[in-house]
C-alpha atoms as a PDB file:
ATOM      1  CA  MET A   1     -14.036   2.219  44.466  1.00  0.00           C
ATOM      2  CA  PHE A   2     -15.324  -0.185  41.731  1.00  0.00           C
ATOM      3  CA  LYS A   3     -17.911   2.239  40.370  1.00  0.00           C
ATOM      4  CA  ASN A   4     -14.928   4.587  39.306  1.00  0.00           C
ATOM      5  CA  LYS A   5     -13.171   1.849  37.570  1.00  0.00           C
ATOM      6  CA  SER A   6     -16.427   0.935  35.809  1.00  0.00           C
ATOM      7  CA  LYS A   7     -16.956   4.406  34.378  1.00  0.00           C
ATOM      8  CA  GLU A   8     -13.276   4.581  33.222  1.00  0.00           C
ATOM      9  CA  SER A   9     -13.644   1.212  31.366  1.00  0.00           C
ATOM     10  CA  ASN A  10     -17.129   2.638  29.847  1.00  0.00           C
ATOM     11  CA  SER A  11     -15.405   6.030  28.873  1.00  0.00           C
ATOM     12  CA  SER A  12     -12.552   4.130  27.340  1.00  0.00           C
ATOM     13  CA  ALA A  13     -14.671   1.732  25.431  1.00  0.00           C
ATOM     14  CA  ASN A  14     -17.044   4.663  23.759  1.00  0.00           C
ATOM     15  CA  THR A  15     -13.799   6.449  22.512  1.00  0.00           C
ATOM     16  CA  PRO A  16     -13.178   6.205  18.789  1.00  0.00           C
ATOM     17  CA  SER A  17      -9.838   4.955  17.713  1.00  0.00           C
ATOM     18  CA  VAL A  18      -7.923   7.122  15.003  1.00  0.00           C
ATOM     19  CA  ALA A  19      -6.410   5.051  12.666  1.00  0.00           C
ATOM     20  CA  GLY A  20      -2.780   6.315  11.539  1.00  0.00           C
ATOM     21  CA  GLY A  21       0.956   6.174  12.155  1.00  0.00           C
ATOM     22  CA  SER A  22       3.289   3.572  10.767  1.00  0.00           C
ATOM     23  CA  GLY A  23       1.247   0.494  11.356  1.00  0.00           C
ATOM     24  CA  SER A  24      -1.780   1.483   9.461  1.00  0.00           C
ATOM     25  CA  THR A  25      -1.937  -0.101   5.626  1.00  0.00           C
ATOM     26  CA  ASN A  26      -4.306   1.379   3.081  1.00  0.00           C
ATOM     27  CA  SER A  27      -6.236  -1.516   0.842  1.00  0.00           C
ATOM     28  CA  LEU A  28      -7.721  -1.756  -2.313  1.00  0.00           C
ATOM     29  CA  VAL A  29      -9.359  -5.395  -2.183  1.00  0.00           C
ATOM     30  CA  THR A  30      -9.892  -7.638  -5.059  1.00  0.00           C
ATOM     31  CA  GLY A  31     -12.757  -6.737  -7.324  1.00  0.00           C
ATOM     32  CA  THR A  32     -12.159  -2.885  -6.731  1.00  0.00           C
ATOM     33  CA  SER A  33     -11.237  -0.752  -9.531  1.00  0.00           C
ATOM     34  CA  VAL A  34      -9.999   2.811  -9.185  1.00  0.00           C
ATOM     35  CA  GLU A  35      -8.797   5.319 -11.823  1.00  0.00           C
ATOM     36  CA  GLY A  36      -7.433   8.684 -10.727  1.00  0.00           C
ATOM     37  CA  THR A  37      -4.685   9.825  -8.409  1.00  0.00           C
ATOM     38  CA  ILE A  38      -4.053   8.562  -4.912  1.00  0.00           C
ATOM     39  CA  ILE A  39      -1.859  10.245  -2.339  1.00  0.00           C
ATOM     40  CA  ALA A  40      -1.151   8.105   0.733  1.00  0.00           C
ATOM     41  CA  SER A  41       0.990   8.850   3.587  1.00  0.00           C
ATOM     42  CA  SER A  42       1.257   5.221   4.892  1.00  0.00           C
ATOM     43  CA  ASP A  43       1.779   1.595   3.491  1.00  0.00           C
ATOM     44  CA  ILE A  44      -0.916   0.591   0.595  1.00  0.00           C
ATOM     45  CA  ARG A  45      -1.565  -2.922  -0.649  1.00  0.00           C
ATOM     46  CA  ILE A  46      -3.389  -3.194  -3.974  1.00  0.00           C
ATOM     47  CA  ASP A  47      -5.221  -6.393  -4.760  1.00  0.00           C
ATOM     48  CA  GLY A  48      -7.667  -4.908  -7.308  1.00  0.00           C
ATOM     49  CA  SER A  49      -6.884  -2.503  -9.892  1.00  0.00           C
ATOM     50  CA  LEU A  50      -5.484   0.837 -10.038  1.00  0.00           C
ATOM     51  CA  LYS A  51      -5.217   2.970 -13.350  1.00  0.00           C
ATOM     52  CA  GLY A  52      -3.667   6.432 -12.528  1.00  0.00           C
ATOM     53  CA  ILE A  53      -0.996   7.806 -10.447  1.00  0.00           C
ATOM     54  CA  LEU A  54      -0.164   6.512  -6.869  1.00  0.00           C
ATOM     55  CA  ASP A  55       2.120   8.766  -4.652  1.00  0.00           C
ATOM     56  CA  CYS A  56       3.050   6.511  -1.615  1.00  0.00           C
ATOM     57  CA  LYS A  57       5.177   8.012   1.614  1.00  0.00           C
ATOM     58  CA  GLY A  58       5.556   4.088   2.479  1.00  0.00           C
ATOM     59  CA  ARG A  59       5.646   0.884   0.771  1.00  0.00           C
ATOM     60  CA  VAL A  60       3.515  -0.404  -2.140  1.00  0.00           C
ATOM     61  CA  ILE A  61       2.549  -3.739  -2.251  1.00  0.00           C
ATOM     62  CA  ILE A  62       0.810  -5.065  -5.566  1.00  0.00           C
ATOM     63  CA  GLY A  63      -0.465  -8.579  -4.857  1.00  0.00           C
ATOM     64  CA  PRO A  64      -0.685 -11.823  -6.853  1.00  0.00           C
ATOM     65  CA  GLU A  65      -4.130 -10.586  -8.544  1.00  0.00           C
ATOM     66  CA  GLY A  66      -3.541  -6.735  -8.238  1.00  0.00           C
ATOM     67  CA  SER A  67      -2.512  -4.714 -11.129  1.00  0.00           C
ATOM     68  CA  VAL A  68      -1.337  -1.158 -11.622  1.00  0.00           C
ATOM     69  CA  ASP A  69      -1.256   0.864 -14.717  1.00  0.00           C
ATOM     70  CA  GLY A  70       0.078   4.172 -14.781  1.00  0.00           C
ATOM     71  CA  GLU A  71       2.696   5.895 -12.340  1.00  0.00           C
ATOM     72  CA  ILE A  72       3.824   5.157  -8.978  1.00  0.00           C
ATOM     73  CA  THR A  73       6.327   6.927  -6.527  1.00  0.00           C
ATOM     74  CA  CYS A  74       6.944   5.124  -3.040  1.00  0.00           C
ATOM     75  CA  GLU A  75       9.837   4.315  -0.622  1.00  0.00           C
ATOM     76  CA  ASN A  76       9.898   0.594  -0.711  1.00  0.00           C
ATOM     77  CA  ALA A  77       7.879  -1.598  -3.326  1.00  0.00           C
ATOM     78  CA  VAL A  78       6.824  -5.329  -3.606  1.00  0.00           C
ATOM     79  CA  ILE A  79       5.442  -6.306  -6.823  1.00  0.00           C
ATOM     80  CA  GLU A  80       3.899  -9.491  -7.320  1.00  0.00           C
ATOM     81  CA  GLY A  81       0.959  -8.797  -9.953  1.00  0.00           C
ATOM     82  CA  LYS A  82       0.860  -6.707 -12.953  1.00  0.00           C
ATOM     83  CA  PHE A  83       2.579  -3.475 -13.237  1.00  0.00           C
ATOM     84  CA  SER A  84       2.620  -1.138 -16.455  1.00  0.00           C
ATOM     85  CA  GLY A  85       4.074   2.312 -16.438  1.00  0.00           C
ATOM     86  CA  LYS A  86       6.545   4.526 -14.685  1.00  0.00           C
ATOM     87  CA  LEU A  87       7.716   2.856 -11.447  1.00  0.00           C
ATOM     88  CA  LYS A  88       9.917   5.046  -9.153  1.00  0.00           C
ATOM     89  CA  VAL A  89      10.922   3.451  -5.778  1.00  0.00           C
ATOM     90  CA  LYS A  90      13.371   5.137  -3.545  1.00  0.00           C
ATOM     91  CA  ASP A  91      14.949   2.421  -1.839  1.00  0.00           C
ATOM     92  CA  LEU A  92      14.231  -1.226  -2.275  1.00  0.00           C
ATOM     93  CA  LEU A  93      12.229  -2.799  -5.197  1.00  0.00           C
ATOM     94  CA  ASN A  94      11.219  -6.521  -4.482  1.00  0.00           C
ATOM     95  CA  VAL A  95       9.952  -8.335  -7.686  1.00  0.00           C
ATOM     96  CA  ARG A  96       8.498 -11.458  -6.758  1.00  0.00           C
ATOM     97  CA  GLU A  97       8.307 -14.894  -9.117  1.00  0.00           C
ATOM     98  CA  ASN A  98       4.951 -14.000 -10.461  1.00  0.00           C
ATOM     99  CA  ALA A  99       5.223 -10.447 -11.235  1.00  0.00           C
ATOM    100  CA  ASN A 100       4.932  -8.538 -14.450  1.00  0.00           C
ATOM    101  CA  ILE A 101       6.405  -5.611 -14.880  1.00  0.00           C
ATOM    102  CA  GLN A 102       6.499  -3.235 -18.325  1.00  0.00           C
ATOM    103  CA  GLY A 103       7.684   0.320 -18.374  1.00  0.00           C
ATOM    104  CA  ASP A 104      10.415   2.377 -16.853  1.00  0.00           C
ATOM    105  CA  VAL A 105      11.910   1.366 -13.534  1.00  0.00           C
ATOM    106  CA  GLN A 106      13.981   3.427 -11.281  1.00  0.00           C
ATOM    107  CA  THR A 107      15.268   2.173  -7.765  1.00  0.00           C
ATOM    108  CA  ASP A 108      18.027   2.256  -5.712  1.00  0.00           C
ATOM    109  CA  LYS A 109      17.873  -1.477  -4.583  1.00  0.00           C
ATOM    110  CA  LEU A 110      16.288  -4.411  -6.595  1.00  0.00           C
ATOM    111  CA  LEU A 111      15.448  -7.750  -5.198  1.00  0.00           C
ATOM    112  CA  VAL A 112      14.411 -10.308  -7.677  1.00  0.00           C
ATOM    113  CA  GLN A 113      12.975 -13.426  -6.450  1.00  0.00           C
ATOM    114  CA  PRO A 114      14.028 -16.798  -8.153  1.00  0.00           C
END
């Protein structure tokens, strides 16, 4: 009886977990720089720098130390850092107090922090 439970717990412990679904978030950490095109099916947070194109099916967060130079297309966005280029947000764009945005912005709803 106890032996079977032990085998069941061991087999589940050895099974790798798969990241995915709506709970997962991609991250570009501070000190990381990327040039090119990123296509993300879930949320992404940028605390480093991106030069290029970002196509995201979820939410894009540019952290206080993050910077993007290029083009972003996403569902929702929170901008705390620097953005330069073309920004297309299908639903809500949240601009925080330290944000620096230059370029073309297209959004359905806009929320600007004081």
